[in-house]
């Protein structure tokens, strides 16, 4: 169910991103305002995609669908 919902949300976001990408390609000499708007649309799509991925990953963890892998980590190099 979670995968199906994820797909149903990702698809429209991908369509919007591809449409903005296509417009960027078709309008290489577009005004600065149009270029900025297309960049803003694509950035919003990336943010929404990350939000969806975070939400879906959390749901999968809570549902027990993904098992975490525990292992020792050296903190000093990580920090």
PDB file of N, CA and C in Angstrom:
ATOM      1  N   UNK A   1       0.829  -1.195   0.000  1.00  0.00           N
ATOM      2  CA  UNK A   1       0.000   0.000   0.000  1.00  0.00           C
ATOM      3  C   UNK A   1       0.873   1.258   0.000  1.00  0.00           C
ATOM      4  N   UNK A   2       1.899   1.248   0.836  1.00  0.00           N
ATOM      5  CA  UNK A   2       2.786   2.408   0.929  1.00  0.00           C
ATOM      6  C   UNK A   2       3.484   2.657  -0.403  1.00  0.00           C
ATOM      7  N   UNK A   3       3.929   1.600  -1.054  1.00  0.00           N
ATOM      8  CA  UNK A   3       4.573   1.755  -2.363  1.00  0.00           C
ATOM      9  C   UNK A   3       3.596   2.311  -3.401  1.00  0.00           C
ATOM     10  N   UNK A   4       2.356   1.842  -3.351  1.00  0.00           N
ATOM     11  CA  UNK A   4       1.356   2.320  -4.305  1.00  0.00           C
ATOM     12  C   UNK A   4       1.075   3.808  -4.086  1.00  0.00           C
ATOM     13  N   UNK A   5       0.911   4.200  -2.837  1.00  0.00           N
ATOM     14  CA  UNK A   5       0.662   5.606  -2.520  1.00  0.00           C
ATOM     15  C   UNK A   5       1.877   6.448  -2.925  1.00  0.00           C
ATOM     16  N   UNK A   6       3.063   5.940  -2.643  1.00  0.00           N
ATOM     17  CA  UNK A   6       4.280   6.641  -3.036  1.00  0.00           C
ATOM     18  C   UNK A   6       4.338   6.877  -4.528  1.00  0.00           C
ATOM     19  N   UNK A   7       3.992   5.862  -5.280  1.00  0.00           N
ATOM     20  CA  UNK A   7       3.990   5.987  -6.743  1.00  0.00           C
ATOM     21  C   UNK A   7       2.957   7.023  -7.190  1.00  0.00           C
ATOM     22  N   UNK A   8       1.785   6.964  -6.574  1.00  0.00           N
ATOM     23  CA  UNK A   8       0.709   7.894  -6.951  1.00  0.00           C
ATOM     24  C   UNK A   8       1.069   9.346  -6.645  1.00  0.00           C
ATOM     25  N   UNK A   9       1.899   9.580  -5.646  1.00  0.00           N
ATOM     26  CA  UNK A   9       2.332  10.939  -5.340  1.00  0.00           C
ATOM     27  C   UNK A   9       3.547  11.354  -6.161  1.00  0.00           C
ATOM     28  N   UNK A  10       4.450  10.409  -6.406  1.00  0.00           N
ATOM     29  CA  UNK A  10       5.675  10.743  -7.159  1.00  0.00           C
ATOM     30  C   UNK A  10       5.377  11.074  -8.618  1.00  0.00           C
ATOM     31  N   UNK A  11       4.419  10.389  -9.211  1.00  0.00           N
ATOM     32  CA  UNK A  11       4.146  10.565 -10.633  1.00  0.00           C
ATOM     33  C   UNK A  11       3.781  11.999 -11.004  1.00  0.00           C
ATOM     34  N   UNK A  12       2.833  12.647 -10.322  1.00  0.00           N
ATOM     35  CA  UNK A  12       2.524  14.030 -10.706  1.00  0.00           C
ATOM     36  C   UNK A  12       3.698  14.983 -10.483  1.00  0.00           C
ATOM     37  N   UNK A  13       4.468  14.737  -9.445  1.00  0.00           N
ATOM     38  CA  UNK A  13       5.638  15.584  -9.188  1.00  0.00           C
ATOM     39  C   UNK A  13       6.641  15.428 -10.331  1.00  0.00           C
ATOM     40  N   UNK A  14       6.839  14.206 -10.795  1.00  0.00           N
ATOM     41  CA  UNK A  14       7.763  13.971 -11.905  1.00  0.00           C
ATOM     42  C   UNK A  14       7.243  14.623 -13.191  1.00  0.00           C
ATOM     43  N   UNK A  15       5.949  14.570 -13.421  1.00  0.00           N
ATOM     44  CA  UNK A  15       5.365  15.184 -14.615  1.00  0.00           C
ATOM     45  C   UNK A  15       5.584  16.697 -14.595  1.00  0.00           C
ATOM     46  N   UNK A  16       5.353  17.319 -13.453  1.00  0.00           N
ATOM     47  CA  UNK A  16       5.555  18.769 -13.326  1.00  0.00           C
ATOM     48  C   UNK A  16       7.019  19.119 -13.561  1.00  0.00           C
ATOM     49  N   UNK A  17       7.922  18.339 -12.965  1.00  0.00           N
ATOM     50  CA  UNK A  17       9.359  18.598 -13.130  1.00  0.00           C
ATOM     51  C   UNK A  17       9.770  18.461 -14.595  1.00  0.00           C
ATOM     52  N   UNK A  18       9.296  17.410 -15.256  1.00  0.00           N
ATOM     53  CA  UNK A  18       9.659  17.202 -16.667  1.00  0.00           C
ATOM     54  C   UNK A  18       9.086  18.301 -17.558  1.00  0.00           C
ATOM     55  N   UNK A  19       7.886  18.771 -17.248  1.00  0.00           N
ATOM     56  CA  UNK A  19       7.301  19.855 -18.033  1.00  0.00           C
ATOM     57  C   UNK A  19       8.128  21.131 -17.886  1.00  0.00           C
ATOM     58  N   UNK A  20       8.562  21.438 -16.671  1.00  0.00           N
ATOM     59  CA  UNK A  20       9.400  22.619 -16.451  1.00  0.00           C
ATOM     60  C   UNK A  20      10.746  22.446 -17.147  1.00  0.00           C
ATOM     61  N   UNK A  21      11.295  21.233 -17.086  1.00  0.00           N
ATOM     62  CA  UNK A  21      12.568  20.957 -17.766  1.00  0.00           C
ATOM     63  C   UNK A  21      12.416  21.143 -19.279  1.00  0.00           C
ATOM     64  N   UNK A  22      11.315  20.657 -19.830  1.00  0.00           N
ATOM     65  CA  UNK A  22      11.077  20.782 -21.266  1.00  0.00           C
ATOM     66  C   UNK A  22      10.942  22.258 -21.661  1.00  0.00           C
ATOM     67  N   UNK A  23      10.243  23.031 -20.850  1.00  0.00           N
ATOM     68  CA  UNK A  23      10.099  24.457 -21.143  1.00  0.00           C
ATOM     69  C   UNK A  23      11.452  25.171 -21.093  1.00  0.00           C
ATOM     70  N   UNK A  24      12.304  24.779 -20.147  1.00  0.00           N
ATOM     71  CA  UNK A  24      13.653  25.353 -20.097  1.00  0.00           C
ATOM     72  C   UNK A  24      14.407  25.062 -21.387  1.00  0.00           C
ATOM     73  N   UNK A  25      14.236  23.846 -21.909  1.00  0.00           N
ATOM     74  CA  UNK A  25      14.907  23.447 -23.140  1.00  0.00           C
ATOM     75  C   UNK A  25      14.333  24.177 -24.359  1.00  0.00           C
ATOM     76  N   UNK A  26      13.019  24.311 -24.398  1.00  0.00           N
ATOM     77  CA  UNK A  26      12.366  24.930 -25.544  1.00  0.00           C
ATOM     78  C   UNK A  26      12.483  26.450 -25.560  1.00  0.00           C
ATOM     79  N   UNK A  27      12.751  27.040 -24.399  1.00  0.00           N
ATOM     80  CA  UNK A  27      12.828  28.495 -24.292  1.00  0.00           C
ATOM     81  C   UNK A  27      14.201  28.939 -23.797  1.00  0.00           C
ATOM     82  N   UNK A  28      15.261  28.617 -24.552  1.00  0.00           N
ATOM     83  CA  UNK A  28      16.608  28.933 -24.058  1.00  0.00           C
ATOM     84  C   UNK A  28      16.835  30.434 -23.890  1.00  0.00           C
ATOM     85  N   UNK A  29      16.150  31.268 -24.649  1.00  0.00           N
ATOM     86  CA  UNK A  29      16.330  32.709 -24.540  1.00  0.00           C
ATOM     87  C   UNK A  29      15.220  33.375 -23.749  1.00  0.00           C
ATOM     88  N   UNK A  30      14.579  32.624 -22.866  1.00  0.00           N
ATOM     89  CA  UNK A  30      13.452  33.160 -22.104  1.00  0.00           C
ATOM     90  C   UNK A  30      13.908  34.305 -21.208  1.00  0.00           C
ATOM     91  N   UNK A  31      12.971  35.137 -20.858  1.00  0.00           N
ATOM     92  CA  UNK A  31      13.290  36.266 -19.985  1.00  0.00           C
ATOM     93  C   UNK A  31      13.764  35.745 -18.631  1.00  0.00           C
ATOM     94  N   UNK A  32      14.426  36.609 -17.901  1.00  0.00           N
ATOM     95  CA  UNK A  32      14.939  36.239 -16.584  1.00  0.00           C
ATOM     96  C   UNK A  32      13.791  35.815 -15.665  1.00  0.00           C
ATOM     97  N   UNK A  33      12.666  36.496 -15.752  1.00  0.00           N
ATOM     98  CA  UNK A  33      11.520  36.164 -14.905  1.00  0.00           C
ATOM     99  C   UNK A  33      11.009  34.752 -15.185  1.00  0.00           C
ATOM    100  N   UNK A  34      10.931  34.387 -16.451  1.00  0.00           N
ATOM    101  CA  UNK A  34      10.471  33.038 -16.816  1.00  0.00           C
ATOM    102  C   UNK A  34      11.487  31.998 -16.364  1.00  0.00           C
ATOM    103  N   UNK A  35      12.759  32.260 -16.600  1.00  0.00           N
ATOM    104  CA  UNK A  35      13.806  31.320 -16.183  1.00  0.00           C
ATOM    105  C   UNK A  35      13.776  31.125 -14.666  1.00  0.00           C
ATOM    106  N   UNK A  36      13.580  32.210 -13.923  1.00  0.00           N
ATOM    107  CA  UNK A  36      13.523  32.100 -12.465  1.00  0.00           C
ATOM    108  C   UNK A  36      12.301  31.314 -12.021  1.00  0.00           C
ATOM    109  N   UNK A  37      11.166  31.524 -12.687  1.00  0.00           N
ATOM    110  CA  UNK A  37       9.949  30.794 -12.338  1.00  0.00           C
ATOM    111  C   UNK A  37      10.117  29.307 -12.606  1.00  0.00           C
ATOM    112  N   UNK A  38      10.710  28.956 -13.737  1.00  0.00           N
ATOM    113  CA  UNK A  38      10.940  27.536 -14.050  1.00  0.00           C
ATOM    114  C   UNK A  38      11.902  26.915 -13.044  1.00  0.00           C
ATOM    115  N   UNK A  39      12.930  27.650 -12.660  1.00  0.00           N
ATOM    116  CA  UNK A  39      13.877  27.144 -11.648  1.00  0.00           C
ATOM    117  C   UNK A  39      13.164  26.950 -10.311  1.00  0.00           C
ATOM    118  N   UNK A  40      12.261  27.864  -9.963  1.00  0.00           N
ATOM    119  CA  UNK A  40      11.518  27.747  -8.712  1.00  0.00           C
ATOM    120  C   UNK A  40      10.579  26.536  -8.734  1.00  0.00           C
ATOM    121  N   UNK A  41       9.957  26.291  -9.876  1.00  0.00           N
ATOM    122  CA  UNK A  41       9.080  25.120 -10.015  1.00  0.00           C
ATOM    123  C   UNK A  41       9.881  23.840  -9.820  1.00  0.00           C
ATOM    124  N   UNK A  42      11.038  23.773 -10.453  1.00  0.00           N
ATOM    125  CA  UNK A  42      11.862  22.558 -10.338  1.00  0.00           C
ATOM    126  C   UNK A  42      12.383  22.378  -8.921  1.00  0.00           C
ATOM    127  N   UNK A  43      12.768  23.473  -8.263  1.00  0.00           N
ATOM    128  CA  UNK A  43      13.250  23.387  -6.881  1.00  0.00           C
ATOM    129  C   UNK A  43      12.124  22.932  -5.949  1.00  0.00           C
ATOM    130  N   UNK A  44      10.921  23.446  -6.162  1.00  0.00           N
ATOM    131  CA  UNK A  44       9.781  23.026  -5.346  1.00  0.00           C
ATOM    132  C   UNK A  44       9.479  21.542  -5.561  1.00  0.00           C
ATOM    133  N   UNK A  45       9.615  21.079  -6.788  1.00  0.00           N
ATOM    134  CA  UNK A  45       9.423  19.658  -7.073  1.00  0.00           C
ATOM    135  C   UNK A  45      10.435  18.789  -6.347  1.00  0.00           C
ATOM    136  N   UNK A  46      11.699  19.236  -6.326  1.00  0.00           N
ATOM    137  CA  UNK A  46      12.736  18.476  -5.598  1.00  0.00           C
ATOM    138  C   UNK A  46      12.429  18.435  -4.102  1.00  0.00           C
ATOM    139  N   UNK A  47      12.002  19.575  -3.542  1.00  0.00           N
ATOM    140  CA  UNK A  47      11.658  19.607  -2.115  1.00  0.00           C
ATOM    141  C   UNK A  47      10.484  18.677  -1.813  1.00  0.00           C
ATOM    142  N   UNK A  48       9.474  18.707  -2.658  1.00  0.00           N
ATOM    143  CA  UNK A  48       8.322  17.845  -2.459  1.00  0.00           C
ATOM    144  C   UNK A  48       8.709  16.375  -2.583  1.00  0.00           C
ATOM    145  N   UNK A  49       9.562  16.057  -3.542  1.00  0.00           N
ATOM    146  CA  UNK A  49      10.025  14.673  -3.717  1.00  0.00           C
ATOM    147  C   UNK A  49      10.776  14.207  -2.466  1.00  0.00           C
ATOM    148  N   UNK A  50      11.663  15.062  -1.920  1.00  0.00           N
ATOM    149  CA  UNK A  50      12.398  14.694  -0.699  1.00  0.00           C
ATOM    150  C   UNK A  50      11.442  14.513   0.479  1.00  0.00           C
ATOM    151  N   UNK A  51      10.450  15.383   0.587  1.00  0.00           N
ATOM    152  CA  UNK A  51       9.460  15.269   1.650  1.00  0.00           C
ATOM    153  C   UNK A  51       8.700  13.952   1.533  1.00  0.00           C
ATOM    154  N   UNK A  52       8.283  13.605   0.337  1.00  0.00           N
ATOM    155  CA  UNK A  52       7.587  12.336   0.119  1.00  0.00           C
ATOM    156  C   UNK A  52       8.467  11.149   0.474  1.00  0.00           C
ATOM    157  N   UNK A  53       9.715  11.191   0.046  1.00  0.00           N
ATOM    158  CA  UNK A  53      10.632  10.083   0.341  1.00  0.00           C
ATOM    159  C   UNK A  53      10.839   9.928   1.843  1.00  0.00           C
ATOM    160  N   UNK A  54      10.986  11.046   2.546  1.00  0.00           N
ATOM    161  CA  UNK A  54      11.154  10.995   4.002  1.00  0.00           C
ATOM    162  C   UNK A  54       9.906  10.427   4.666  1.00  0.00           C
ATOM    163  N   UNK A  55       8.749  10.916   4.258  1.00  0.00           N
ATOM    164  CA  UNK A  55       7.491  10.433   4.825  1.00  0.00           C
ATOM    165  C   UNK A  55       7.319   8.942   4.570  1.00  0.00           C
ATOM    166  N   UNK A  56       7.549   8.513   3.335  1.00  0.00           N
ATOM    167  CA  UNK A  56       7.348   7.100   2.992  1.00  0.00           C
ATOM    168  C   UNK A  56       8.353   6.203   3.703  1.00  0.00           C
ATOM    169  N   UNK A  57       9.580   6.667   3.837  1.00  0.00           N
ATOM    170  CA  UNK A  57      10.586   5.871   4.551  1.00  0.00           C
ATOM    171  C   UNK A  57      10.189   5.726   6.015  1.00  0.00           C
ATOM    172  N   UNK A  58       9.694   6.797   6.613  1.00  0.00           N
ATOM    173  CA  UNK A  58       9.247   6.747   8.005  1.00  0.00           C
ATOM    174  C   UNK A  58       8.088   5.776   8.157  1.00  0.00           C
ATOM    175  N   UNK A  59       7.141   5.850   7.238  1.00  0.00           N
ATOM    176  CA  UNK A  59       6.000   4.937   7.294  1.00  0.00           C
ATOM    177  C   UNK A  59       6.448   3.482   7.164  1.00  0.00           C
ATOM    178  N   UNK A  60       7.397   3.227   6.278  1.00  0.00           N
ATOM    179  CA  UNK A  60       7.879   1.860   6.095  1.00  0.00           C
ATOM    180  C   UNK A  60       8.592   1.369   7.348  1.00  0.00           C
ATOM    181  N   UNK A  61       9.375   2.238   7.970  1.00  0.00           N
ATOM    182  CA  UNK A  61      10.059   1.845   9.203  1.00  0.00           C
ATOM    183  C   UNK A  61       9.050   1.543  10.305  1.00  0.00           C
ATOM    184  N   UNK A  62       8.057   2.403  10.443  1.00  0.00           N
ATOM    185  CA  UNK A  62       7.040   2.197  11.472  1.00  0.00           C
ATOM    186  C   UNK A  62       6.223   0.938  11.208  1.00  0.00           C
ATOM    187  N   UNK A  63       6.032   0.607   9.962  1.00  0.00           N
ATOM    188  CA  UNK A  63       5.273  -0.592   9.613  1.00  0.00           C
ATOM    189  C   UNK A  63       6.143  -1.845   9.701  1.00  0.00           C
ATOM    190  N   UNK A  64       7.425  -1.658   9.938  1.00  0.00           N
ATOM    191  CA  UNK A  64       8.328  -2.798  10.044  1.00  0.00           C
ATOM    192  C   UNK A  64       8.730  -3.381   8.707  1.00  0.00           C
ATOM    193  N   UNK A  65       8.565  -2.606   7.632  1.00  0.00           N
ATOM    194  CA  UNK A  65       8.883  -3.127   6.305  1.00  0.00           C
ATOM    195  C   UNK A  65      10.369  -3.061   5.997  1.00  0.00           C
ATOM    196  N   UNK A  66      11.051  -2.136   6.630  1.00  0.00           N
ATOM    197  CA  UNK A  66      12.488  -2.033   6.401  1.00  0.00           C
ATOM    198  C   UNK A  66      13.206  -2.246   7.724  1.00  0.00           C
ATOM    199  N   UNK A  67      14.078  -3.178   7.733  1.00  0.00           N
ATOM    200  CA  UNK A  67      14.853  -3.423   8.941  1.00  0.00           C
ATOM    201  C   UNK A  67      16.136  -2.609   8.875  1.00  0.00           C
ATOM    202  N   UNK A  68      16.397  -1.908   9.932  1.00  0.00           N
ATOM    203  CA  UNK A  68      17.629  -1.135   9.988  1.00  0.00           C
ATOM    204  C   UNK A  68      18.818  -2.056  10.198  1.00  0.00           C
ATOM    205  N   UNK A  69      19.967  -1.564   9.832  1.00  0.00           N
ATOM    206  CA  UNK A  69      21.179  -2.347  10.011  1.00  0.00           C
ATOM    207  C   UNK A  69      22.027  -1.639  11.058  1.00  0.00           C
ATOM    208  N   UNK A  70      22.314  -2.298  12.150  1.00  0.00           N
ATOM    209  CA  UNK A  70      23.117  -1.707  13.206  1.00  0.00           C
ATOM    210  C   UNK A  70      24.559  -2.157  13.054  1.00  0.00           C
ATOM    211  N   UNK A  71      25.442  -1.192  13.208  1.00  0.00           N
ATOM    212  CA  UNK A  71      26.861  -1.517  13.183  1.00  0.00           C
ATOM    213  C   UNK A  71      27.618  -0.411  13.902  1.00  0.00           C
ATOM    214  N   UNK A  72      28.761  -0.733  14.440  1.00  0.00           N
ATOM    215  CA  UNK A  72      29.542   0.296  15.144  1.00  0.00           C
ATOM    216  C   UNK A  72      30.027   1.370  14.162  1.00  0.00           C
ATOM    217  N   UNK A  73      30.075   2.598  14.644  1.00  0.00           N
ATOM    218  CA  UNK A  73      30.507   3.719  13.836  1.00  0.00           C
ATOM    219  C   UNK A  73      31.516   4.547  14.635  1.00  0.00           C
ATOM    220  N   UNK A  74      32.604   4.905  13.986  1.00  0.00           N
ATOM    221  CA  UNK A  74      33.574   5.798  14.621  1.00  0.00           C
ATOM    222  C   UNK A  74      33.050   7.225  14.477  1.00  0.00           C
ATOM    223  N   UNK A  75      32.766   7.859  15.597  1.00  0.00           N
ATOM    224  CA  UNK A  75      32.154   9.177  15.559  1.00  0.00           C
ATOM    225  C   UNK A  75      33.111  10.289  15.149  1.00  0.00           C
ATOM    226  N   UNK A  76      34.358  10.207  15.546  1.00  0.00           N
ATOM    227  CA  UNK A  76      35.304  11.281  15.256  1.00  0.00           C
ATOM    228  C   UNK A  76      35.404  11.557  13.749  1.00  0.00           C
ATOM    229  N   UNK A  77      35.631  10.557  12.899  1.00  0.00           N
ATOM    230  CA  UNK A  77      35.678  10.840  11.456  1.00  0.00           C
ATOM    231  C   UNK A  77      34.335  11.353  10.914  1.00  0.00           C
ATOM    232  N   UNK A  78      33.272  10.870  11.488  1.00  0.00           N
ATOM    233  CA  UNK A  78      31.953  11.289  11.045  1.00  0.00           C
ATOM    234  C   UNK A  78      31.704  12.758  11.355  1.00  0.00           C
ATOM    235  N   UNK A  79      32.143  13.163  12.530  1.00  0.00           N
ATOM    236  CA  UNK A  79      31.952  14.565  12.917  1.00  0.00           C
ATOM    237  C   UNK A  79      32.921  15.453  12.183  1.00  0.00           C
TER     238      UNK A  79
END
